Each structure stands twice: as C-alpha cells, then as structure tokens.
Amino acid sequence: MTRNAATKATALLAASLVCATPALAGDRAQFNPIGFSEDGRYFAFEEFGIQDGSGFPFSTTTIIDLPADKWVSGTPYRLRHNDETVSIGELRRLAAKDMTRSITELGIDYPGSIIALNGDGEPDATGTELRYGRPGYGLDPVQDEHVLALEVYDLPPGADCAVIDNETKGFALTLDGADLARDAGKLPKSRGCVMDYRLYAVVTPADFENVPGAGVAIVSVYPFGFEGPDRRFIAVPLEK
C-alpha cells in the first residue's frame, strides 16, 4: 500500500464521518457506507448510535469479503464508551482511527454510493421491496432496473431468546426472483433474538471510475433490545 493510498483511505474515513449526520433516536442505529476496495473485493460500513437504556454511544465497523460473503477477520469492530457525556461524534472519530490500518491494508479507498433507499422518514415504506437500477448521467433515466424482495419467516433462535414472547425470525432476499440469501436451520448467534427485518438500501461503488462488482443490499435487522427492538444492519452481496 502506497503512502498516497493510505492518505486516501484516511481521508475517505474522515469524509464519511462528516457526511453521515448522527440521528439520536434511542437504539436505532444509523448506517454509514465507508467504501469499497478498488478491486471490488471488500466493502466496509459502520453502524452507530446511542445505546438504549444506558445512553452510551456505540460504533461498529464491519468489513465484508464479498466473493466469500463473510466478515473479514477482526471485524465487526465494536467500540462503546461507557459514559453518556461522550459525544457520538467523538466516539466515531476514535473508531475511525482504530480502523484506519485495516481499511488501508485492504485498499478500501473507494467511496460507496447509496443508489436506492427506503428512508426512515418515507411514508408507507414497508421495507419488503426495493427497486433500483444503474443511475443515468445528468437527467438520463435509470437503466437496468432490478427488484429486491424480502421475505421474513419464523426461524429457531441460535441463542437463548426465552426473554421474548415473539417467534424469532429469519429472512430470504431475492433479486429479480432469484435467491441472494436464505436463512435455514437456526439463526446465527451473532444476530441475537431477531424480531423482524426491512430492506434498507442498495450501495454500489460510486461511478467515478470502473470499480468491479455489483455492490450490496443493506438489510435492517431488529433484534430484541433493552427497550424494545433495536436496529442493526447486514450487507448482502448482489453478486453470487
């Protein structure tokens, strides 16, 4: 990794902190796409917020090996400050500093673009479907339209979930009718006691250069929390 690439990666992390304005709404984590590696292999994102009950700020950074569809070793990297007087901005800067080396070593220095979104303030958004396509230039229309569809169903928990009365849930995600992901067996323990899911966004490499890869679908995950369902995120590669 060259010095210029390292500088670029550090700048990208800093820019992502500036562009993503924190919304302090209980334990409803916010989503920040950090970016992709230039070869399209890796995608990094952050989820951050204020923990319900304690009021402590938290930030979790995850790096996905997209062809393998698995977390990169050492992630998710979770940082929480057990002091409600520490600002979410201060905590996120510390998390970004801690992750700079990993981001740099994997060449994650190319920005991601949210090209479709079921926004938190969008009326009547059920989160079960998301249509998207390749953005046109200027005022040109979207091209190559696709449809993501989400199915939620009962699935046995992988952890002790006796604390909740609701059945725990798994999900299946299809792209134009073909499976991208489908839970089976038991829920991964890492998800906790999941009560529901929503389709949140599609993130692709920004079209400044020709970075390979179709990007990722972002699914909101709602595990049981101290004051009700929390929100976290899963990234699902859009290519098999």
C-alpha atoms as a PDB file:
ATOM      1  CA  MET A   1       0.000   0.000   0.000  1.00  0.00           C
ATOM      2  CA  THR A   2       1.484   3.307  -1.082  1.00  0.00           C
ATOM      3  CA  ARG A   3       1.595   6.436   1.049  1.00  0.00           C
ATOM      4  CA  ASN A   4      -0.873   8.104  -1.341  1.00  0.00           C
ATOM      5  CA  ALA A   5      -3.300   5.186  -0.975  1.00  0.00           C
ATOM      6  CA  ALA A   6      -3.014   5.321   2.818  1.00  0.00           C
ATOM      7  CA  THR A   7      -3.691   9.048   2.782  1.00  0.00           C
ATOM      8  CA  LYS A   8      -6.666   8.489   0.501  1.00  0.00           C
ATOM      9  CA  ALA A   9      -8.106   5.822   2.819  1.00  0.00           C
ATOM     10  CA  THR A  10      -7.733   8.062   5.867  1.00  0.00           C
ATOM     11  CA  ALA A  11      -9.395  10.932   4.033  1.00  0.00           C
ATOM     12  CA  LEU A  12     -12.266   8.668   2.964  1.00  0.00           C
ATOM     13  CA  LEU A  13     -12.917   7.634   6.568  1.00  0.00           C
ATOM     14  CA  ALA A  14     -12.859  11.251   7.716  1.00  0.00           C
ATOM     15  CA  ALA A  15     -15.179  12.333   4.900  1.00  0.00           C
ATOM     16  CA  SER A  16     -17.658   9.578   5.754  1.00  0.00           C
ATOM     17  CA  LEU A  17     -17.872  10.905   9.316  1.00  0.00           C
ATOM     18  CA  VAL A  18     -18.635  14.396   8.076  1.00  0.00           C
ATOM     19  CA  CYS A  19     -21.256  13.282   5.559  1.00  0.00           C
ATOM     20  CA  ALA A  20     -23.218  10.993   7.888  1.00  0.00           C
ATOM     21  CA  THR A  21     -25.059  13.141  10.405  1.00  0.00           C
ATOM     22  CA  PRO A  22     -25.935  11.201  13.558  1.00  0.00           C
ATOM     23  CA  ALA A  23     -29.604  10.909  14.455  1.00  0.00           C
ATOM     24  CA  LEU A  24     -30.023  10.287  18.159  1.00  0.00           C
ATOM     25  CA  ALA A  25     -33.151   8.127  18.292  1.00  0.00           C
ATOM     26  CA  GLY A  26     -32.776   5.501  21.004  1.00  0.00           C
ATOM     27  CA  ASP A  27     -31.033   2.405  19.756  1.00  0.00           C
ATOM     28  CA  ARG A  28     -31.981   2.864  16.104  1.00  0.00           C
ATOM     29  CA  ALA A  29     -28.511   2.542  14.596  1.00  0.00           C
ATOM     30  CA  GLN A  30     -27.610   4.746  11.656  1.00  0.00           C
ATOM     31  CA  PHE A  31     -25.823   3.442   8.548  1.00  0.00           C
ATOM     32  CA  ASN A  32     -22.606   4.816   7.062  1.00  0.00           C
ATOM     33  CA  PRO A  33     -21.062   3.220   3.930  1.00  0.00           C
ATOM     34  CA  ILE A  34     -17.289   3.622   4.299  1.00  0.00           C
ATOM     35  CA  GLY A  35     -16.457   2.269   0.855  1.00  0.00           C
ATOM     36  CA  PHE A  36     -15.129  -0.478  -1.406  1.00  0.00           C
ATOM     37  CA  SER A  37     -11.692  -1.726  -2.327  1.00  0.00           C
ATOM     38  CA  GLU A  38     -10.656  -0.779  -5.853  1.00  0.00           C
ATOM     39  CA  ASP A  39     -10.714  -4.422  -6.946  1.00  0.00           C
ATOM     40  CA  GLY A  40     -14.316  -4.739  -5.706  1.00  0.00           C
ATOM     41  CA  ARG A  41     -13.483  -7.481  -3.214  1.00  0.00           C
ATOM     42  CA  TYR A  42     -14.107  -5.685   0.085  1.00  0.00           C
ATOM     43  CA  PHE A  43     -16.878  -3.464   1.402  1.00  0.00           C
ATOM     44  CA  ALA A  44     -16.752  -1.643   4.732  1.00  0.00           C
ATOM     45  CA  PHE A  45     -19.596   0.003   6.608  1.00  0.00           C
ATOM     46  CA  GLU A  46     -20.284   1.484  10.017  1.00  0.00           C
ATOM     47  CA  GLU A  47     -23.398   1.421  12.173  1.00  0.00           C
ATOM     48  CA  PHE A  48     -23.567   3.849  15.060  1.00  0.00           C
ATOM     49  CA  GLY A  49     -25.925   5.306  17.604  1.00  0.00           C
ATOM     50  CA  ILE A  50     -26.838   5.749  21.254  1.00  0.00           C
ATOM     51  CA  GLN A  51     -27.473   2.548  23.180  1.00  0.00           C
ATOM     52  CA  ASP A  52     -30.950   2.245  24.666  1.00  0.00           C
ATOM     53  CA  GLY A  53     -31.147   2.066  28.433  1.00  0.00           C
ATOM     54  CA  SER A  54     -27.564   3.157  29.155  1.00  0.00           C
ATOM     55  CA  GLY A  55     -27.377   6.137  26.804  1.00  0.00           C
ATOM     56  CA  PHE A  56     -23.809   5.126  25.859  1.00  0.00           C
ATOM     57  CA  PRO A  57     -22.555   5.926  22.328  1.00  0.00           C
ATOM     58  CA  PHE A  58     -21.502   2.997  20.148  1.00  0.00           C
ATOM     59  CA  SER A  59     -19.932   2.398  16.743  1.00  0.00           C
ATOM     60  CA  THR A  60     -19.476  -0.915  14.929  1.00  0.00           C
ATOM     61  CA  THR A  61     -17.358  -1.233  11.776  1.00  0.00           C
ATOM     62  CA  THR A  62     -17.752  -4.315   9.582  1.00  0.00           C
ATOM     63  CA  ILE A  63     -15.684  -5.337   6.566  1.00  0.00           C
ATOM     64  CA  ILE A  64     -17.166  -7.910   4.173  1.00  0.00           C
ATOM     65  CA  ASP A  65     -15.180 -10.150   1.846  1.00  0.00           C
ATOM     66  CA  LEU A  66     -17.800 -10.006  -0.906  1.00  0.00           C
ATOM     67  CA  PRO A  67     -16.859 -13.079  -3.028  1.00  0.00           C
ATOM     68  CA  ALA A  68     -16.674 -15.204   0.141  1.00  0.00           C
ATOM     69  CA  ASP A  69     -19.708 -13.454   1.691  1.00  0.00           C
ATOM     70  CA  LYS A  70     -18.122 -13.399   5.149  1.00  0.00           C
ATOM     71  CA  TRP A  71     -16.701 -10.975   7.679  1.00  0.00           C
ATOM     72  CA  VAL A  72     -13.033 -10.098   7.445  1.00  0.00           C
ATOM     73  CA  SER A  73     -11.084 -11.308  10.482  1.00  0.00           C
ATOM     74  CA  GLY A  74     -11.071  -8.738  13.272  1.00  0.00           C
ATOM     75  CA  THR A  75     -14.472  -7.344  12.324  1.00  0.00           C
ATOM     76  CA  PRO A  76     -17.086  -6.406  13.289  1.00  0.00           C
ATOM     77  CA  TYR A  77     -15.021  -3.979  15.338  1.00  0.00           C
ATOM     78  CA  ARG A  78     -17.204  -2.715  18.182  1.00  0.00           C
ATOM     79  CA  LEU A  79     -16.481   0.399  20.207  1.00  0.00           C
ATOM     80  CA  ARG A  80     -18.634   1.706  23.044  1.00  0.00           C
ATOM     81  CA  HIS A  81     -17.828   4.377  25.606  1.00  0.00           C
ATOM     82  CA  ASN A  82     -19.422   3.750  28.998  1.00  0.00           C
ATOM     83  CA  ASP A  83     -20.000   7.445  29.560  1.00  0.00           C
ATOM     84  CA  GLU A  84     -23.131   9.136  28.249  1.00  0.00           C
ATOM     85  CA  THR A  85     -21.366  12.523  28.282  1.00  0.00           C
ATOM     86  CA  VAL A  86     -19.060  11.404  25.435  1.00  0.00           C
ATOM     87  CA  SER A  87     -20.486  12.619  22.136  1.00  0.00           C
ATOM     88  CA  ILE A  88     -21.302  10.239  19.311  1.00  0.00           C
ATOM     89  CA  GLY A  89     -19.011  12.294  17.066  1.00  0.00           C
ATOM     90  CA  GLU A  90     -16.045  11.851  19.408  1.00  0.00           C
ATOM     91  CA  LEU A  91     -16.622   8.111  19.673  1.00  0.00           C
ATOM     92  CA  ARG A  92     -16.889   7.709  15.878  1.00  0.00           C
ATOM     93  CA  ARG A  93     -13.622   9.561  15.365  1.00  0.00           C
ATOM     94  CA  LEU A  94     -11.930   7.140  17.757  1.00  0.00           C
ATOM     95  CA  ALA A  95     -13.431   4.165  15.911  1.00  0.00           C
ATOM     96  CA  ALA A  96     -12.288   5.528  12.548  1.00  0.00           C
ATOM     97  CA  LYS A  97      -8.765   5.994  13.894  1.00  0.00           C
ATOM     98  CA  ASP A  98      -8.718   2.419  15.224  1.00  0.00           C
ATOM     99  CA  MET A  99      -9.868   1.019  11.852  1.00  0.00           C
ATOM    100  CA  THR A 100      -7.615   3.106   9.572  1.00  0.00           C
ATOM    101  CA  ARG A 101      -4.891   0.448   9.369  1.00  0.00           C
ATOM    102  CA  SER A 102      -7.313  -2.335   8.360  1.00  0.00           C
ATOM    103  CA  ILE A 103      -9.080  -0.094   5.858  1.00  0.00           C
ATOM    104  CA  THR A 104      -5.732   0.911   4.363  1.00  0.00           C
ATOM    105  CA  GLU A 105      -4.245  -2.591   4.199  1.00  0.00           C
ATOM    106  CA  LEU A 106      -7.268  -3.910   2.309  1.00  0.00           C
ATOM    107  CA  GLY A 107      -7.240  -0.998  -0.136  1.00  0.00           C
ATOM    108  CA  ILE A 108     -10.700   0.228   0.855  1.00  0.00           C
ATOM    109  CA  ASP A 109     -10.237   3.704  -0.517  1.00  0.00           C
ATOM    110  CA  TYR A 110     -13.121   3.974  -2.992  1.00  0.00           C
ATOM    111  CA  PRO A 111     -16.429   5.574  -1.943  1.00  0.00           C
ATOM    112  CA  GLY A 112     -19.766   3.804  -1.939  1.00  0.00           C
ATOM    113  CA  SER A 113     -22.929   5.407  -3.303  1.00  0.00           C
ATOM    114  CA  ILE A 114     -26.422   4.791  -1.875  1.00  0.00           C
ATOM    115  CA  ILE A 115     -28.371   4.481  -5.130  1.00  0.00           C
ATOM    116  CA  ALA A 116     -31.687   3.323  -3.607  1.00  0.00           C
ATOM    117  CA  LEU A 117     -33.087   3.812  -0.120  1.00  0.00           C
ATOM    118  CA  ASN A 118     -36.131   3.047   1.996  1.00  0.00           C
ATOM    119  CA  GLY A 119     -35.596   6.110   4.151  1.00  0.00           C
ATOM    120  CA  ASP A 120     -36.643   6.319   7.783  1.00  0.00           C
ATOM    121  CA  GLY A 121     -38.952   9.224   7.044  1.00  0.00           C
ATOM    122  CA  GLU A 122     -40.508   7.816   3.883  1.00  0.00           C
ATOM    123  CA  PRO A 123     -44.257   7.286   4.366  1.00  0.00           C
ATOM    124  CA  ASP A 124     -45.726   3.867   3.514  1.00  0.00           C
ATOM    125  CA  ALA A 125     -42.307   2.233   3.048  1.00  0.00           C
ATOM    126  CA  THR A 126     -42.850  -1.369   4.176  1.00  0.00           C
ATOM    127  CA  GLY A 127     -39.268  -2.462   3.596  1.00  0.00           C
ATOM    128  CA  THR A 128     -40.352  -5.598   1.744  1.00  0.00           C
ATOM    129  CA  GLU A 129     -39.328  -4.415  -1.742  1.00  0.00           C
ATOM    130  CA  LEU A 130     -36.769  -2.061  -3.259  1.00  0.00           C
ATOM    131  CA  ARG A 131     -36.469  -1.206  -6.957  1.00  0.00           C
ATOM    132  CA  TYR A 132     -33.179   0.108  -8.255  1.00  0.00           C
ATOM    133  CA  GLY A 133     -31.078   0.435 -11.385  1.00  0.00           C
ATOM    134  CA  ARG A 134     -27.888   1.903 -12.747  1.00  0.00           C
ATOM    135  CA  PRO A 135     -28.058   5.697 -12.336  1.00  0.00           C
ATOM    136  CA  GLY A 136     -28.104   7.675 -15.559  1.00  0.00           C
ATOM    137  CA  TYR A 137     -25.822  10.624 -16.204  1.00  0.00           C
ATOM    138  CA  GLY A 138     -27.262  14.095 -15.685  1.00  0.00           C
ATOM    139  CA  LEU A 139     -31.007  13.854 -16.266  1.00  0.00           C
ATOM    140  CA  ASP A 140     -30.867  10.478 -18.029  1.00  0.00           C
ATOM    141  CA  PRO A 141     -33.260   7.836 -16.683  1.00  0.00           C
ATOM    142  CA  VAL A 142     -32.220   4.864 -14.559  1.00  0.00           C
ATOM    143  CA  GLN A 143     -31.079   1.859 -16.592  1.00  0.00           C
ATOM    144  CA  ASP A 144     -31.064  -1.912 -15.995  1.00  0.00           C
ATOM    145  CA  GLU A 145     -33.869  -1.892 -13.436  1.00  0.00           C
ATOM    146  CA  HIS A 146     -33.948  -4.649 -10.811  1.00  0.00           C
ATOM    147  CA  VAL A 147     -36.255  -5.659  -7.942  1.00  0.00           C
ATOM    148  CA  LEU A 148     -35.122  -6.778  -4.491  1.00  0.00           C
ATOM    149  CA  ALA A 149     -37.768  -8.588  -2.441  1.00  0.00           C
ATOM    150  CA  LEU A 150     -37.609  -9.565   1.226  1.00  0.00           C
ATOM    151  CA  GLU A 151     -39.392 -12.491   2.870  1.00  0.00           C
ATOM    152  CA  VAL A 152     -39.499 -12.829   6.677  1.00  0.00           C
ATOM    153  CA  TYR A 153     -40.397 -16.103   8.381  1.00  0.00           C
ATOM    154  CA  ASP A 154     -40.134 -17.925  11.720  1.00  0.00           C
ATOM    155  CA  LEU A 155     -36.735 -19.473  12.461  1.00  0.00           C
ATOM    156  CA  PRO A 156     -35.472 -21.062  15.682  1.00  0.00           C
ATOM    157  CA  PRO A 157     -33.014 -18.919  17.659  1.00  0.00           C
ATOM    158  CA  GLY A 158     -29.333 -19.709  17.854  1.00  0.00           C
ATOM    159  CA  ALA A 159     -29.067 -18.101  21.301  1.00  0.00           C
ATOM    160  CA  ASP A 160     -31.204 -18.026  24.444  1.00  0.00           C
ATOM    161  CA  CYS A 161     -34.237 -15.966  23.448  1.00  0.00           C
ATOM    162  CA  ALA A 162     -36.630 -17.008  26.210  1.00  0.00           C
ATOM    163  CA  VAL A 163     -36.742 -13.350  27.277  1.00  0.00           C
ATOM    164  CA  ILE A 164     -39.080 -12.524  24.367  1.00  0.00           C
ATOM    165  CA  ASP A 165     -42.524 -13.936  23.628  1.00  0.00           C
ATOM    166  CA  ASN A 166     -42.304 -13.381  19.873  1.00  0.00           C
ATOM    167  CA  GLU A 167     -41.009 -16.029  17.498  1.00  0.00           C
ATOM    168  CA  THR A 168     -37.525 -15.253  16.233  1.00  0.00           C
ATOM    169  CA  LYS A 169     -37.265 -14.546  12.514  1.00  0.00           C
ATOM    170  CA  GLY A 170     -35.073 -15.397   9.560  1.00  0.00           C
ATOM    171  CA  PHE A 171     -35.132 -13.836   6.118  1.00  0.00           C
ATOM    172  CA  ALA A 172     -34.752 -14.583   2.433  1.00  0.00           C
ATOM    173  CA  LEU A 173     -33.671 -11.979  -0.100  1.00  0.00           C
ATOM    174  CA  THR A 174     -34.298 -12.366  -3.815  1.00  0.00           C
ATOM    175  CA  LEU A 175     -33.063 -10.356  -6.780  1.00  0.00           C
ATOM    176  CA  ASP A 176     -35.409 -10.485  -9.784  1.00  0.00           C
ATOM    177  CA  GLY A 177     -36.876 -13.676  -8.325  1.00  0.00           C
ATOM    178  CA  ALA A 178     -33.558 -15.499  -7.726  1.00  0.00           C
ATOM    179  CA  ASP A 179     -32.239 -16.160  -4.221  1.00  0.00           C
ATOM    180  CA  LEU A 180     -29.412 -13.983  -2.954  1.00  0.00           C
ATOM    181  CA  ALA A 181     -29.651 -15.170   0.654  1.00  0.00           C
ATOM    182  CA  ARG A 182     -31.921 -17.569   2.537  1.00  0.00           C
ATOM    183  CA  ASP A 183     -31.696 -18.445   6.216  1.00  0.00           C
ATOM    184  CA  ALA A 184     -32.112 -22.060   7.241  1.00  0.00           C
ATOM    185  CA  GLY A 185     -31.635 -24.111  10.395  1.00  0.00           C
ATOM    186  CA  LYS A 186     -31.145 -21.706  13.291  1.00  0.00           C
ATOM    187  CA  LEU A 187     -30.393 -18.002  13.465  1.00  0.00           C
ATOM    188  CA  PRO A 188     -26.704 -17.128  13.798  1.00  0.00           C
ATOM    189  CA  LYS A 189     -25.966 -16.275  17.438  1.00  0.00           C
ATOM    190  CA  SER A 190     -24.310 -13.064  16.244  1.00  0.00           C
ATOM    191  CA  ARG A 191     -27.719 -11.654  15.229  1.00  0.00           C
ATOM    192  CA  GLY A 192     -29.274 -12.066  18.650  1.00  0.00           C
ATOM    193  CA  CYS A 193     -33.023 -12.571  19.042  1.00  0.00           C
ATOM    194  CA  VAL A 194     -34.268 -11.067  15.790  1.00  0.00           C
ATOM    195  CA  MET A 195     -37.876  -9.914  15.686  1.00  0.00           C
ATOM    196  CA  ASP A 196     -38.055  -8.514  12.127  1.00  0.00           C
ATOM    197  CA  TYR A 197     -36.180  -7.305   9.033  1.00  0.00           C
ATOM    198  CA  ARG A 198     -36.568  -4.478   6.492  1.00  0.00           C
ATOM    199  CA  LEU A 199     -34.922  -3.733   3.152  1.00  0.00           C
ATOM    200  CA  TYR A 200     -32.945  -0.540   3.722  1.00  0.00           C
ATOM    201  CA  ALA A 201     -30.685   0.375   0.798  1.00  0.00           C
ATOM    202  CA  VAL A 202     -28.559  -0.570  -2.189  1.00  0.00           C
ATOM    203  CA  VAL A 203     -24.930   0.584  -2.136  1.00  0.00           C
ATOM    204  CA  THR A 204     -22.641   0.388  -5.177  1.00  0.00           C
ATOM    205  CA  PRO A 205     -19.176   1.740  -5.950  1.00  0.00           C
ATOM    206  CA  ALA A 206     -19.515   5.417  -6.895  1.00  0.00           C
ATOM    207  CA  ASP A 207     -19.236   5.801 -10.672  1.00  0.00           C
ATOM    208  CA  PHE A 208     -16.118   7.970 -10.758  1.00  0.00           C
ATOM    209  CA  GLU A 209     -14.047   5.037 -12.046  1.00  0.00           C
ATOM    210  CA  ASN A 210     -14.628   1.476 -13.233  1.00  0.00           C
ATOM    211  CA  VAL A 211     -14.644  -0.488  -9.976  1.00  0.00           C
ATOM    212  CA  PRO A 212     -15.852  -4.090 -10.481  1.00  0.00           C
ATOM    213  CA  GLY A 213     -18.750  -5.574  -8.565  1.00  0.00           C
ATOM    214  CA  ALA A 214     -22.496  -5.032  -8.330  1.00  0.00           C
ATOM    215  CA  GLY A 215     -22.464  -3.725  -4.762  1.00  0.00           C
ATOM    216  CA  VAL A 216     -24.531  -4.791  -1.765  1.00  0.00           C
ATOM    217  CA  ALA A 217     -28.088  -4.806  -0.475  1.00  0.00           C
ATOM    218  CA  ILE A 218     -28.400  -3.454   3.066  1.00  0.00           C
ATOM    219  CA  VAL A 219     -30.967  -5.181   5.271  1.00  0.00           C
ATOM    220  CA  SER A 220     -32.113  -3.684   8.565  1.00  0.00           C
ATOM    221  CA  VAL A 221     -32.144  -6.258  11.370  1.00  0.00           C
ATOM    222  CA  TYR A 222     -34.269  -5.765  14.509  1.00  0.00           C
ATOM    223  CA  PRO A 223     -33.022  -7.836  17.467  1.00  0.00           C
ATOM    224  CA  PHE A 224     -34.713  -7.606  20.857  1.00  0.00           C
ATOM    225  CA  GLY A 225     -33.145  -4.860  22.980  1.00  0.00           C
ATOM    226  CA  PHE A 226     -33.454  -3.373  26.458  1.00  0.00           C
ATOM    227  CA  GLU A 227     -36.319  -1.063  25.474  1.00  0.00           C
ATOM    228  CA  GLY A 228     -37.716  -2.983  22.509  1.00  0.00           C
ATOM    229  CA  PRO A 229     -36.380  -3.883  19.058  1.00  0.00           C
ATOM    230  CA  ASP A 230     -33.053  -2.290  18.173  1.00  0.00           C
ATOM    231  CA  ARG A 231     -31.861  -1.726  14.614  1.00  0.00           C
ATOM    232  CA  ARG A 232     -28.663  -3.140  13.147  1.00  0.00           C
ATOM    233  CA  PHE A 233     -27.582  -3.879   9.555  1.00  0.00           C
ATOM    234  CA  ILE A 234     -26.496  -6.769   7.321  1.00  0.00           C
ATOM    235  CA  ALA A 235     -24.784  -6.353   3.932  1.00  0.00           C
ATOM    236  CA  VAL A 236     -25.730  -8.951   1.296  1.00  0.00           C
ATOM    237  CA  PRO A 237     -23.575  -9.106  -1.879  1.00  0.00           C
ATOM    238  CA  LEU A 238     -25.580  -8.531  -5.069  1.00  0.00           C
ATOM    239  CA  GLU A 239     -23.423 -10.973  -6.990  1.00  0.00           C
ATOM    240  CA  LYS A 240     -23.155 -14.704  -6.358  1.00  0.00           C
END
